Every structure is written in structure tokens, then in C-alpha cells.
Amino acid sequence: MAADLRFGHDSGLQPLLSYLRIKGYEELISMADAPAKGWYSFEQMPMASNLQLIFYRNKKGDVLVKLLRNEQETTIPALKPWKGPYYRWKDLRAYFVSLP
């Protein structure tokens, strides 16, 4: 068992969430349109924000991953989960690698 933890600021996490197209961050919204669409950065990206990828191994030996944003389960709308909030690591990795 191992953990590799990285720490940064909310200003670095917000572009990462958008790049990965995490739920709630997959749509491009201009600064001018943000208030009308209900997007307020202080609510969406508090200063103590985080993204966690929790890795599990099921009984079959598959590596599964659950994503948490600010300790809440989240998804990637562009990628179908394996079951519930879990993605197969091979599928999630392929998705990450395919991003431009």
C-alpha cells in the first residue's frame, strides 16, 4: 500500500478539474456568463479544495478508482463508470491519456 500526496492551491486545481472534465467543470463558461449560470468560484472552488483518486482492488483483481472532489463522490460525465461511482483503472487511464 502506498500514497503519493501532492498539495497545491485552488487556482491550480480548478484548471485540472476542467481539463479532466470532472462533473460541474466540463462546460466552458465565460466570466461574463458565470453569474447568470450560477457559477461562483468561491462556492465551486473553496481555497481548501482537493481531488482524490481512491484506488481499490476488487475480488476479481480489477483495479477500481473512485473520484472525490472535496470529499464528495464525483464522476466524469464523458466516461461511463464501471459500476456506481467506480471506474476501472484501465478505462480511466485510457481516458486521461486520450485528453488533448
PDB file of N, CA and C in Angstrom:
ATOM      1  N   MET A   1       0.854  -1.174   0.000  1.00  0.00           N
ATOM      2  CA  MET A   1       0.000   0.000   0.000  1.00  0.00           C
ATOM      3  C   MET A   1       0.898   1.235   0.000  1.00  0.00           C
ATOM      4  N   ALA A   2       0.550   2.214  -0.819  1.00  0.00           N
ATOM      5  CA  ALA A   2       1.348   3.428  -0.902  1.00  0.00           C
ATOM      6  C   ALA A   2       0.453   4.612  -1.191  1.00  0.00           C
ATOM      7  N   ALA A   3       0.933   5.778  -0.841  1.00  0.00           N
ATOM      8  CA  ALA A   3       0.215   7.007  -1.138  1.00  0.00           C
ATOM      9  C   ALA A   3       1.211   8.044  -1.619  1.00  0.00           C
ATOM     10  N   ASP A   4       0.857   8.740  -2.644  1.00  0.00           N
ATOM     11  CA  ASP A   4       1.676   9.823  -3.163  1.00  0.00           C
ATOM     12  C   ASP A   4       0.800  11.060  -3.130  1.00  0.00           C
ATOM     13  N   LEU A   5       1.051  11.931  -2.177  1.00  0.00           N
ATOM     14  CA  LEU A   5       0.198  13.097  -1.981  1.00  0.00           C
ATOM     15  C   LEU A   5       0.856  14.335  -2.559  1.00  0.00           C
ATOM     16  N   ARG A   6       0.083  15.118  -3.243  1.00  0.00           N
ATOM     17  CA  ARG A   6       0.549  16.383  -3.813  1.00  0.00           C
ATOM     18  C   ARG A   6      -0.366  17.478  -3.310  1.00  0.00           C
ATOM     19  N   PHE A   7       0.222  18.606  -2.991  1.00  0.00           N
ATOM     20  CA  PHE A   7      -0.551  19.715  -2.471  1.00  0.00           C
ATOM     21  C   PHE A   7      -0.346  20.938  -3.349  1.00  0.00           C
ATOM     22  N   GLY A   8      -1.383  21.731  -3.489  1.00  0.00           N
ATOM     23  CA  GLY A   8      -1.302  22.937  -4.292  1.00  0.00           C
ATOM     24  C   GLY A   8      -2.406  23.887  -3.886  1.00  0.00           C
ATOM     25  N   HIS A   9      -2.644  24.837  -4.720  1.00  0.00           N
ATOM     26  CA  HIS A   9      -3.658  25.847  -4.432  1.00  0.00           C
ATOM     27  C   HIS A   9      -4.902  25.627  -5.286  1.00  0.00           C
ATOM     28  N   ASP A  10      -5.994  26.230  -4.860  1.00  0.00           N
ATOM     29  CA  ASP A  10      -7.248  26.143  -5.611  1.00  0.00           C
ATOM     30  C   ASP A  10      -7.078  26.663  -7.030  1.00  0.00           C
ATOM     31  N   SER A  11      -6.213  27.641  -7.221  1.00  0.00           N
ATOM     32  CA  SER A  11      -6.017  28.216  -8.556  1.00  0.00           C
ATOM     33  C   SER A  11      -5.353  27.224  -9.512  1.00  0.00           C
ATOM     34  N   GLY A  12      -4.682  26.214  -8.995  1.00  0.00           N
ATOM     35  CA  GLY A  12      -4.108  25.165  -9.837  1.00  0.00           C
ATOM     36  C   GLY A  12      -5.050  23.994 -10.015  1.00  0.00           C
ATOM     37  N   LEU A  13      -5.909  23.766  -9.038  1.00  0.00           N
ATOM     38  CA  LEU A  13      -6.836  22.641  -9.102  1.00  0.00           C
ATOM     39  C   LEU A  13      -7.985  22.901 -10.071  1.00  0.00           C
ATOM     40  N   GLN A  14      -8.473  24.117 -10.119  1.00  0.00           N
ATOM     41  CA  GLN A  14      -9.616  24.425 -10.983  1.00  0.00           C
ATOM     42  C   GLN A  14      -9.319  24.114 -12.451  1.00  0.00           C
ATOM     43  N   PRO A  15      -8.184  24.514 -13.004  1.00  0.00           N
ATOM     44  CA  PRO A  15      -7.903  24.133 -14.397  1.00  0.00           C
ATOM     45  C   PRO A  15      -7.759  22.624 -14.579  1.00  0.00           C
ATOM     46  N   LEU A  16      -7.225  21.920 -13.586  1.00  0.00           N
ATOM     47  CA  LEU A  16      -7.095  20.465 -13.680  1.00  0.00           C
ATOM     48  C   LEU A  16      -8.475  19.807 -13.739  1.00  0.00           C
ATOM     49  N   LEU A  17      -9.386  20.223 -12.887  1.00  0.00           N
ATOM     50  CA  LEU A  17     -10.740  19.665 -12.892  1.00  0.00           C
ATOM     51  C   LEU A  17     -11.426  19.927 -14.222  1.00  0.00           C
ATOM     52  N   SER A  18     -11.204  21.096 -14.770  1.00  0.00           N
ATOM     53  CA  SER A  18     -11.781  21.431 -16.068  1.00  0.00           C
ATOM     54  C   SER A  18     -11.153  20.588 -17.172  1.00  0.00           C
ATOM     55  N   TYR A  19      -9.846  20.439 -17.136  1.00  0.00           N
ATOM     56  CA  TYR A  19      -9.144  19.641 -18.150  1.00  0.00           C
ATOM     57  C   TYR A  19      -9.601  18.183 -18.127  1.00  0.00           C
ATOM     58  N   LEU A  20      -9.784  17.627 -16.924  1.00  0.00           N
ATOM     59  CA  LEU A  20     -10.232  16.240 -16.785  1.00  0.00           C
ATOM     60  C   LEU A  20     -11.736  16.098 -17.019  1.00  0.00           C
ATOM     61  N   ARG A  21     -12.435  17.220 -17.096  1.00  0.00           N
ATOM     62  CA  ARG A  21     -13.880  17.271 -17.321  1.00  0.00           C
ATOM     63  C   ARG A  21     -14.668  16.592 -16.194  1.00  0.00           C
ATOM     64  N   ILE A  22     -14.246  16.887 -14.982  1.00  0.00           N
ATOM     65  CA  ILE A  22     -14.940  16.406 -13.790  1.00  0.00           C
ATOM     66  C   ILE A  22     -16.319  17.050 -13.752  1.00  0.00           C
ATOM     67  N   LYS A  23     -17.307  16.331 -13.246  1.00  0.00           N
ATOM     68  CA  LYS A  23     -18.690  16.833 -13.191  1.00  0.00           C
ATOM     69  C   LYS A  23     -18.728  18.229 -12.564  1.00  0.00           C
ATOM     70  N   GLY A  24     -19.407  19.133 -13.269  1.00  0.00           N
ATOM     71  CA  GLY A  24     -19.513  20.512 -12.818  1.00  0.00           C
ATOM     72  C   GLY A  24     -18.442  21.410 -13.395  1.00  0.00           C
ATOM     73  N   TYR A  25     -17.427  20.820 -14.010  1.00  0.00           N
ATOM     74  CA  TYR A  25     -16.319  21.582 -14.581  1.00  0.00           C
ATOM     75  C   TYR A  25     -16.119  21.269 -16.056  1.00  0.00           C
ATOM     76  N   GLU A  26     -17.025  20.500 -16.647  1.00  0.00           N
ATOM     77  CA  GLU A  26     -16.852  20.066 -18.028  1.00  0.00           C
ATOM     78  C   GLU A  26     -17.309  21.101 -19.051  1.00  0.00           C
ATOM     79  N   GLU A  27     -18.051  22.101 -18.635  1.00  0.00           N
ATOM     80  CA  GLU A  27     -18.571  23.110 -19.554  1.00  0.00           C
ATOM     81  C   GLU A  27     -17.729  24.381 -19.476  1.00  0.00           C
ATOM     82  N   LEU A  28     -17.399  24.933 -20.640  1.00  0.00           N
ATOM     83  CA  LEU A  28     -16.690  26.209 -20.674  1.00  0.00           C
ATOM     84  C   LEU A  28     -17.697  27.330 -20.457  1.00  0.00           C
ATOM     85  N   ILE A  29     -17.426  28.173 -19.482  1.00  0.00           N
ATOM     86  CA  ILE A  29     -18.309  29.300 -19.172  1.00  0.00           C
ATOM     87  C   ILE A  29     -17.455  30.555 -19.135  1.00  0.00           C
ATOM     88  N   SER A  30     -17.866  31.571 -19.864  1.00  0.00           N
ATOM     89  CA  SER A  30     -17.106  32.825 -19.852  1.00  0.00           C
ATOM     90  C   SER A  30     -17.322  33.527 -18.509  1.00  0.00           C
ATOM     91  N   MET A  31     -16.387  34.394 -18.167  1.00  0.00           N
ATOM     92  CA  MET A  31     -16.503  35.154 -16.919  1.00  0.00           C
ATOM     93  C   MET A  31     -17.788  35.987 -16.915  1.00  0.00           C
ATOM     94  N   ALA A  32     -18.154  36.520 -18.077  1.00  0.00           N
ATOM     95  CA  ALA A  32     -19.350  37.351 -18.162  1.00  0.00           C
ATOM     96  C   ALA A  32     -20.626  36.541 -17.923  1.00  0.00           C
ATOM     97  N   ASP A  33     -20.621  35.278 -18.349  1.00  0.00           N
ATOM     98  CA  ASP A  33     -21.813  34.431 -18.207  1.00  0.00           C
ATOM     99  C   ASP A  33     -21.872  33.673 -16.880  1.00  0.00           C
ATOM    100  N   ALA A  34     -20.797  33.633 -16.153  1.00  0.00           N
ATOM    101  CA  ALA A  34     -20.725  32.817 -14.935  1.00  0.00           C
ATOM    102  C   ALA A  34     -21.820  33.137 -13.918  1.00  0.00           C
ATOM    103  N   PRO A  35     -22.041  34.403 -13.551  1.00  0.00           N
ATOM    104  CA  PRO A  35     -23.098  34.675 -12.558  1.00  0.00           C
ATOM    105  C   PRO A  35     -24.480  34.247 -13.029  1.00  0.00           C
ATOM    106  N   ALA A  36     -24.791  34.470 -14.298  1.00  0.00           N
ATOM    107  CA  ALA A  36     -26.106  34.097 -14.823  1.00  0.00           C
ATOM    108  C   ALA A  36     -26.310  32.587 -14.812  1.00  0.00           C
ATOM    109  N   LYS A  37     -25.223  31.833 -14.936  1.00  0.00           N
ATOM    110  CA  LYS A  37     -25.313  30.372 -14.940  1.00  0.00           C
ATOM    111  C   LYS A  37     -25.134  29.786 -13.535  1.00  0.00           C
ATOM    112  N   GLY A  38     -25.028  30.664 -12.535  1.00  0.00           N
ATOM    113  CA  GLY A  38     -24.927  30.189 -11.157  1.00  0.00           C
ATOM    114  C   GLY A  38     -23.561  29.655 -10.780  1.00  0.00           C
ATOM    115  N   TRP A  39     -22.528  30.085 -11.480  1.00  0.00           N
ATOM    116  CA  TRP A  39     -21.170  29.596 -11.205  1.00  0.00           C
ATOM    117  C   TRP A  39     -20.403  30.684 -10.484  1.00  0.00           C
ATOM    118  N   TYR A  40     -20.184  30.462  -9.197  1.00  0.00           N
ATOM    119  CA  TYR A  40     -19.437  31.400  -8.367  1.00  0.00           C
ATOM    120  C   TYR A  40     -18.199  30.667  -7.858  1.00  0.00           C
ATOM    121  N   SER A  41     -17.038  31.183  -8.179  1.00  0.00           N
ATOM    122  CA  SER A  41     -15.801  30.467  -7.873  1.00  0.00           C
ATOM    123  C   SER A  41     -15.630  30.193  -6.381  1.00  0.00           C
ATOM    124  N   PHE A  42     -16.061  31.085  -5.509  1.00  0.00           N
ATOM    125  CA  PHE A  42     -15.894  30.862  -4.080  1.00  0.00           C
ATOM    126  C   PHE A  42     -16.743  29.695  -3.575  1.00  0.00           C
ATOM    127  N   GLU A  43     -17.817  29.363  -4.296  1.00  0.00           N
ATOM    128  CA  GLU A  43     -18.621  28.195  -3.922  1.00  0.00           C
ATOM    129  C   GLU A  43     -18.110  26.928  -4.593  1.00  0.00           C
ATOM    130  N   GLN A  44     -17.727  27.035  -5.859  1.00  0.00           N
ATOM    131  CA  GLN A  44     -17.280  25.877  -6.621  1.00  0.00           C
ATOM    132  C   GLN A  44     -15.846  25.468  -6.277  1.00  0.00           C
ATOM    133  N   MET A  45     -15.036  26.418  -5.893  1.00  0.00           N
ATOM    134  CA  MET A  45     -13.628  26.136  -5.661  1.00  0.00           C
ATOM    135  C   MET A  45     -13.148  26.839  -4.393  1.00  0.00           C
ATOM    136  N   PRO A  46     -13.550  26.341  -3.219  1.00  0.00           N
ATOM    137  CA  PRO A  46     -13.055  26.941  -1.979  1.00  0.00           C
ATOM    138  C   PRO A  46     -11.533  26.791  -1.891  1.00  0.00           C
ATOM    139  N   MET A  47     -10.903  27.604  -1.087  1.00  0.00           N
ATOM    140  CA  MET A  47      -9.444  27.601  -1.015  1.00  0.00           C
ATOM    141  C   MET A  47      -8.878  26.258  -0.552  1.00  0.00           C
ATOM    142  N   ALA A  48      -9.615  25.490   0.180  1.00  0.00           N
ATOM    143  CA  ALA A  48      -9.125  24.193   0.681  1.00  0.00           C
ATOM    144  C   ALA A  48      -9.640  23.037  -0.178  1.00  0.00           C
ATOM    145  N   SER A  49      -9.814  23.251  -1.459  1.00  0.00           N
ATOM    146  CA  SER A  49     -10.342  22.221  -2.366  1.00  0.00           C
ATOM    147  C   SER A  49      -9.329  21.106  -2.591  1.00  0.00           C
ATOM    148  N   ASN A  50      -9.871  19.942  -2.955  1.00  0.00           N
ATOM    149  CA  ASN A  50      -8.982  18.820  -3.256  1.00  0.00           C
ATOM    150  C   ASN A  50      -9.670  17.853  -4.206  1.00  0.00           C
ATOM    151  N   LEU A  51      -8.848  17.060  -4.872  1.00  0.00           N
ATOM    152  CA  LEU A  51      -9.308  15.982  -5.731  1.00  0.00           C
ATOM    153  C   LEU A  51      -8.589  14.728  -5.265  1.00  0.00           C
ATOM    154  N   GLN A  52      -9.353  13.690  -4.978  1.00  0.00           N
ATOM    155  CA  GLN A  52      -8.768  12.425  -4.531  1.00  0.00           C
ATOM    156  C   GLN A  52      -9.146  11.327  -5.501  1.00  0.00           C
ATOM    157  N   LEU A  53      -8.193  10.516  -5.852  1.00  0.00           N
ATOM    158  CA  LEU A  53      -8.434   9.309  -6.630  1.00  0.00           C
ATOM    159  C   LEU A  53      -8.151   8.157  -5.674  1.00  0.00           C
ATOM    160  N   ILE A  54      -9.185   7.432  -5.297  1.00  0.00           N
ATOM    161  CA  ILE A  54      -9.067   6.334  -4.340  1.00  0.00           C
ATOM    162  C   ILE A  54      -9.034   5.036  -5.140  1.00  0.00           C
ATOM    163  N   PHE A  55      -7.974   4.271  -4.973  1.00  0.00           N
ATOM    164  CA  PHE A  55      -7.785   3.028  -5.711  1.00  0.00           C
ATOM    165  C   PHE A  55      -8.179   1.835  -4.847  1.00  0.00           C
ATOM    166  N   TYR A  56      -8.909   0.918  -5.454  1.00  0.00           N
ATOM    167  CA  TYR A  56      -9.361  -0.307  -4.796  1.00  0.00           C
ATOM    168  C   TYR A  56      -9.017  -1.483  -5.705  1.00  0.00           C
ATOM    169  N   ARG A  57      -8.941  -2.649  -5.113  1.00  0.00           N
ATOM    170  CA  ARG A  57      -8.817  -3.880  -5.898  1.00  0.00           C
ATOM    171  C   ARG A  57      -9.989  -4.765  -5.496  1.00  0.00           C
ATOM    172  N   ASN A  58     -10.820  -5.158  -6.467  1.00  0.00           N
ATOM    173  CA  ASN A  58     -11.974  -5.990  -6.134  1.00  0.00           C
ATOM    174  C   ASN A  58     -11.548  -7.462  -6.035  1.00  0.00           C
ATOM    175  N   LYS A  59     -12.491  -8.329  -5.709  1.00  0.00           N
ATOM    176  CA  LYS A  59     -12.173  -9.746  -5.507  1.00  0.00           C
ATOM    177  C   LYS A  59     -11.651 -10.419  -6.762  1.00  0.00           C
ATOM    178  N   LYS A  60     -12.006  -9.873  -7.933  1.00  0.00           N
ATOM    179  CA  LYS A  60     -11.523 -10.431  -9.198  1.00  0.00           C
ATOM    180  C   LYS A  60     -10.116  -9.938  -9.544  1.00  0.00           C
ATOM    181  N   GLY A  61      -9.613  -8.998  -8.766  1.00  0.00           N
ATOM    182  CA  GLY A  61      -8.285  -8.452  -9.024  1.00  0.00           C
ATOM    183  C   GLY A  61      -8.280  -7.206  -9.883  1.00  0.00           C
ATOM    184  N   ASP A  62      -9.475  -6.722 -10.288  1.00  0.00           N
ATOM    185  CA  ASP A  62      -9.550  -5.492 -11.073  1.00  0.00           C
ATOM    186  C   ASP A  62      -9.207  -4.294 -10.193  1.00  0.00           C
ATOM    187  N   VAL A  63      -8.466  -3.355 -10.739  1.00  0.00           N
ATOM    188  CA  VAL A  63      -8.183  -2.114 -10.021  1.00  0.00           C
ATOM    189  C   VAL A  63      -9.286  -1.125 -10.369  1.00  0.00           C
ATOM    190  N   LEU A  64      -9.966  -0.649  -9.337  1.00  0.00           N
ATOM    191  CA  LEU A  64     -11.068   0.296  -9.481  1.00  0.00           C
ATOM    192  C   LEU A  64     -10.682   1.622  -8.845  1.00  0.00           C
ATOM    193  N   VAL A  65     -11.255   2.697  -9.358  1.00  0.00           N
ATOM    194  CA  VAL A  65     -10.936   4.033  -8.867  1.00  0.00           C
ATOM    195  C   VAL A  65     -12.237   4.788  -8.610  1.00  0.00           C
ATOM    196  N   LYS A  66     -12.281   5.455  -7.472  1.00  0.00           N
ATOM    197  CA  LYS A  66     -13.396   6.344  -7.143  1.00  0.00           C
ATOM    198  C   LYS A  66     -12.821   7.748  -7.015  1.00  0.00           C
ATOM    199  N   LEU A  67     -13.500   8.732  -7.595  1.00  0.00           N
ATOM    200  CA  LEU A  67     -13.047  10.114  -7.540  1.00  0.00           C
ATOM    201  C   LEU A  67     -13.831  10.874  -6.477  1.00  0.00           C
ATOM    202  N   LEU A  68     -13.124  11.646  -5.690  1.00  0.00           N
ATOM    203  CA  LEU A  68     -13.744  12.505  -4.686  1.00  0.00           C
ATOM    204  C   LEU A  68     -13.273  13.937  -4.914  1.00  0.00           C
ATOM    205  N   ARG A  69     -14.219  14.853  -4.967  1.00  0.00           N
ATOM    206  CA  ARG A  69     -13.890  16.277  -5.019  1.00  0.00           C
ATOM    207  C   ARG A  69     -14.387  16.878  -3.724  1.00  0.00           C
ATOM    208  N   ASN A  70     -13.475  17.409  -2.964  1.00  0.00           N
ATOM    209  CA  ASN A  70     -13.805  17.953  -1.645  1.00  0.00           C
ATOM    210  C   ASN A  70     -14.548  16.924  -0.794  1.00  0.00           C
ATOM    211  N   GLU A  71     -14.036  15.714  -0.793  1.00  0.00           N
ATOM    212  CA  GLU A  71     -14.554  14.576  -0.023  1.00  0.00           C
ATOM    213  C   GLU A  71     -15.947  14.116  -0.447  1.00  0.00           C
ATOM    214  N   GLN A  72     -16.426  14.537  -1.608  1.00  0.00           N
ATOM    215  CA  GLN A  72     -17.721  14.118  -2.125  1.00  0.00           C
ATOM    216  C   GLN A  72     -17.503  13.320  -3.405  1.00  0.00           C
ATOM    217  N   GLU A  73     -18.213  12.192  -3.537  1.00  0.00           N
ATOM    218  CA  GLU A  73     -18.078  11.400  -4.753  1.00  0.00           C
ATOM    219  C   GLU A  73     -18.434  12.255  -5.963  1.00  0.00           C
ATOM    220  N   THR A  74     -17.662  12.091  -7.019  1.00  0.00           N
ATOM    221  CA  THR A  74     -17.918  12.808  -8.257  1.00  0.00           C
ATOM    222  C   THR A  74     -17.657  11.879  -9.430  1.00  0.00           C
ATOM    223  N   THR A  75     -18.031  12.319 -10.598  1.00  0.00           N
ATOM    224  CA  THR A  75     -17.884  11.493 -11.790  1.00  0.00           C
ATOM    225  C   THR A  75     -17.289  12.316 -12.925  1.00  0.00           C
ATOM    226  N   ILE A  76     -17.050  11.624 -14.018  1.00  0.00           N
ATOM    227  CA  ILE A  76     -16.656  12.257 -15.274  1.00  0.00           C
ATOM    228  C   ILE A  76     -17.785  11.942 -16.255  1.00  0.00           C
ATOM    229  N   PRO A  77     -18.647  12.915 -16.551  1.00  0.00           N
ATOM    230  CA  PRO A  77     -19.800  12.641 -17.416  1.00  0.00           C
ATOM    231  C   PRO A  77     -19.440  12.039 -18.779  1.00  0.00           C
ATOM    232  N   ALA A  78     -18.258  12.340 -19.298  1.00  0.00           N
ATOM    233  CA  ALA A  78     -17.853  11.827 -20.612  1.00  0.00           C
ATOM    234  C   ALA A  78     -17.418  10.359 -20.571  1.00  0.00           C
ATOM    235  N   LEU A  79     -17.294   9.785 -19.381  1.00  0.00           N
ATOM    236  CA  LEU A  79     -16.809   8.413 -19.231  1.00  0.00           C
ATOM    237  C   LEU A  79     -17.804   7.612 -18.401  1.00  0.00           C
ATOM    238  N   LYS A  80     -18.230   6.477 -18.935  1.00  0.00           N
ATOM    239  CA  LYS A  80     -19.204   5.648 -18.228  1.00  0.00           C
ATOM    240  C   LYS A  80     -18.504   4.885 -17.095  1.00  0.00           C
ATOM    241  N   PRO A  81     -19.029   5.001 -15.872  1.00  0.00           N
ATOM    242  CA  PRO A  81     -18.442   4.249 -14.761  1.00  0.00           C
ATOM    243  C   PRO A  81     -18.654   2.741 -14.945  1.00  0.00           C
ATOM    244  N   TRP A  82     -17.806   1.959 -14.306  1.00  0.00           N
ATOM    245  CA  TRP A  82     -17.950   0.507 -14.334  1.00  0.00           C
ATOM    246  C   TRP A  82     -19.195   0.110 -13.572  1.00  0.00           C
ATOM    247  N   LYS A  83     -19.335   0.636 -12.368  1.00  0.00           N
ATOM    248  CA  LYS A  83     -20.495   0.356 -11.514  1.00  0.00           C
ATOM    249  C   LYS A  83     -20.523   1.410 -10.417  1.00  0.00           C
ATOM    250  N   GLY A  84     -21.686   2.007 -10.218  1.00  0.00           N
ATOM    251  CA  GLY A  84     -21.786   3.046  -9.192  1.00  0.00           C
ATOM    252  C   GLY A  84     -20.795   4.163  -9.470  1.00  0.00           C
ATOM    253  N   PRO A  85     -20.045   4.604  -8.453  1.00  0.00           N
ATOM    254  CA  PRO A  85     -19.073   5.678  -8.662  1.00  0.00           C
ATOM    255  C   PRO A  85     -17.681   5.166  -9.050  1.00  0.00           C
ATOM    256  N   TYR A  86     -17.568   3.883  -9.381  1.00  0.00           N
ATOM    257  CA  TYR A  86     -16.255   3.278  -9.639  1.00  0.00           C
ATOM    258  C   TYR A  86     -15.944   3.173 -11.124  1.00  0.00           C
ATOM    259  N   TYR A  87     -14.712   3.492 -11.458  1.00  0.00           N
ATOM    260  CA  TYR A  87     -14.195   3.337 -12.816  1.00  0.00           C
ATOM    261  C   TYR A  87     -13.113   2.262 -12.792  1.00  0.00           C
ATOM    262  N   ARG A  88     -13.019   1.497 -13.855  1.00  0.00           N
ATOM    263  CA  ARG A  88     -11.872   0.597 -13.989  1.00  0.00           C
ATOM    264  C   ARG A  88     -10.664   1.469 -14.275  1.00  0.00           C
ATOM    265  N   TRP A  89      -9.563   1.174 -13.596  1.00  0.00           N
ATOM    266  CA  TRP A  89      -8.369   1.985 -13.775  1.00  0.00           C
ATOM    267  C   TRP A  89      -7.921   2.006 -15.234  1.00  0.00           C
ATOM    268  N   LYS A  90      -7.995   0.867 -15.913  1.00  0.00           N
ATOM    269  CA  LYS A  90      -7.546   0.832 -17.309  1.00  0.00           C
ATOM    270  C   LYS A  90      -8.391   1.764 -18.171  1.00  0.00           C
ATOM    271  N   ASP A  91      -9.694   1.870 -17.901  1.00  0.00           N
ATOM    272  CA  ASP A  91     -10.566   2.770 -18.658  1.00  0.00           C
ATOM    273  C   ASP A  91     -10.289   4.232 -18.307  1.00  0.00           C
ATOM    274  N   LEU A  92     -10.120   4.503 -17.018  1.00  0.00           N
ATOM    275  CA  LEU A  92      -9.861   5.869 -16.569  1.00  0.00           C
ATOM    276  C   LEU A  92      -8.510   6.352 -17.093  1.00  0.00           C
ATOM    277  N   ARG A  93      -7.514   5.490 -17.028  1.00  0.00           N
ATOM    278  CA  ARG A  93      -6.181   5.839 -17.529  1.00  0.00           C
ATOM    279  C   ARG A  93      -6.232   6.109 -19.030  1.00  0.00           C
ATOM    280  N   ALA A  94      -6.925   5.264 -19.768  1.00  0.00           N
ATOM    281  CA  ALA A  94      -7.059   5.467 -21.223  1.00  0.00           C
ATOM    282  C   ALA A  94      -7.742   6.796 -21.522  1.00  0.00           C
ATOM    283  N   TYR A  95      -8.751   7.132 -20.729  1.00  0.00           N
ATOM    284  CA  TYR A  95      -9.442   8.415 -20.883  1.00  0.00           C
ATOM    285  C   TYR A  95      -8.470   9.564 -20.638  1.00  0.00           C
ATOM    286  N   PHE A  96      -7.713   9.501 -19.534  1.00  0.00           N
ATOM    287  CA  PHE A  96      -6.743  10.554 -19.219  1.00  0.00           C
ATOM    288  C   PHE A  96      -5.716  10.715 -20.333  1.00  0.00           C
ATOM    289  N   VAL A  97      -5.207   9.605 -20.828  1.00  0.00           N
ATOM    290  CA  VAL A  97      -4.185   9.635 -21.884  1.00  0.00           C
ATOM    291  C   VAL A  97      -4.756  10.211 -23.187  1.00  0.00           C
ATOM    292  N   SER A  98      -6.038   9.997 -23.437  1.00  0.00           N
ATOM    293  CA  SER A  98      -6.649  10.456 -24.685  1.00  0.00           C
ATOM    294  C   SER A  98      -6.934  11.958 -24.695  1.00  0.00           C
ATOM    295  N   LEU A  99      -6.878  12.614 -23.544  1.00  0.00           N
ATOM    296  CA  LEU A  99      -7.175  14.047 -23.500  1.00  0.00           C
ATOM    297  C   LEU A  99      -6.096  14.821 -24.253  1.00  0.00           C
ATOM    298  N   PRO A 100      -6.513  15.859 -25.005  1.00  0.00           N
ATOM    299  CA  PRO A 100      -5.523  16.637 -25.781  1.00  0.00           C
ATOM    300  C   PRO A 100      -4.591  17.435 -24.904  1.00  0.00           C
TER     301      PRO A 100
END
